[in-house]
Amino acid sequence: MLAAAGAAVGGAALRPVFTQPQGVDVSHVMTGLDLLVEQHFHPLVGRRVGLVTNHAGVTRYLRDNVSLLAAASGVTLTSLFAPEHGLLGVEQAGARVGDATERRTGVPVHSLYGENRSPDREQLADIDILVFDMQTVGARYYTYLSTLRLILHAAAETDVPVLVLDRPNPLGGLLTEGFPAFDEECRSFVSCAPTPIRHGLTVGEFARWVVANEQLDVALEVAPMRGWRRDMSYEETGLPWVAPSPNMPTTATAAAYPATCLLEGTNCSEGRGTTLPFEVFGAPWVDAYALAERLNARRLPGVKFRATSFTPTFSKHEGSPCEGAQLHITDAAAFAAVRCGVEILRALLDICPEFEFLGSSDRRMTDLLLGTRAVRQALQDGAAPHEICADWAEREDAFARAAREHWLYPHG
């Protein structure tokens, strides 16, 4: 039987008591925020709240969490904390975000992607509870998980409870995939913890895993979703997709992202500055037909490649006509995204003399994304993708077995 989803983890139990009804036929998914609204914000009444969120923190009816909390009777919204891309989600990847004031409420917005990436003691001094509500995309690279991990550490140091409002993993909750041996020297904001790149956890489950794995003394509670299953596609949830960052416009983008995000660490465009970010990739020196033919010849499960051309309006190769390929996922259940990313890197190295990895010789961006130098070094030494990925399955399986302890939702 599924344990009560709202059970507290770590430190002293919180006042909220969230339960997920057993044996109830729910026709659509409700997020943790929806559940909080349903309870008239009762768990937060009488408390000063710090909210970690951005523009995608909405209910299934597209009501935003900032206005809802600000209007909730008995709740004091004291502070907002914004991740990469800012509270409104308009800043491009890597752009520093400054502090601000939320114009409707007058509440201060503390940036967690500027001078600091974690709240300091002063910012938490007038807060009784931190509420985290952000949509992630199911990949370790995506920095909102790093923000959550740092929030949990800051809360542990200051004895501030944390309530995570859970949301779906758009890649589903059954597959863990892409787990090279983790190198602590490559831990970074795009590789914050030793998990598979596709970790198969919801944001609430990830928080529970962090607290347990890093032995944090923090009072953590998760407001669960209602009606979500691990085998669900995002479309099956009935929830609206609000792009959680500027280059994540659709769920198709999210599905391709674990593969093509590896190109961020190279001189090949990953499609930023086009209408299909992370679905198209290439460069001015790529032969589109040769690349697509090479990749299709690999007969990778669940994916096909189509020769294409594009001209980025910003980012790499801005204003320059590029050739490359578009990644078309034909079977999401069979698609091994991270392994596909390694195949793409191998193909580009083999057919494009101009292709190169970016960054310093001892610590390149690709190393930070993968959490190891070993994959890049093996590729540069000529290794085949199947050789590079040969030892991943054992780590993936071990993580999947251990992660079940932190699951909040049934299998299937």
Foldseek 3Di string as FASTA:
>chain_A
DFDAQFAKDFADAAPDRAGADPPDDDQFKWWLVSVCVVVLVVSQAQWEEEEEEACQQATLVRHHPVVSQVPRPRHHDAAYEYEPCGRHQPDDPLDADQKDADVVRRHTYHYLRHPHVADDCVVCVRGQAYEYGADDAQFLQTQVLVSLLRHLVRCLVNVHAYEYTWDDHQLFQDDAAAADPFDPVLCDSRHPDRAGRRRSDISQLSSNCSCVVVVGNHTYTYSGMHPDARPDHPVSNSGDDDQRHPQRHDSVQSLLCLQLVLCVQKLKAQQAQHPRRSQWIWAAQDDQVQLQVQLVVVVQPQKHKDKDWDAGCDDRNHRHITIHIGIDGRDSVRHRNNLNNLVSVLSCVVPGVPMDGDDDPVHTPSCSNSNHPVSVVCSVVPDDSCVSCVPVVVVRVVSVVVSVVSDNHDHD
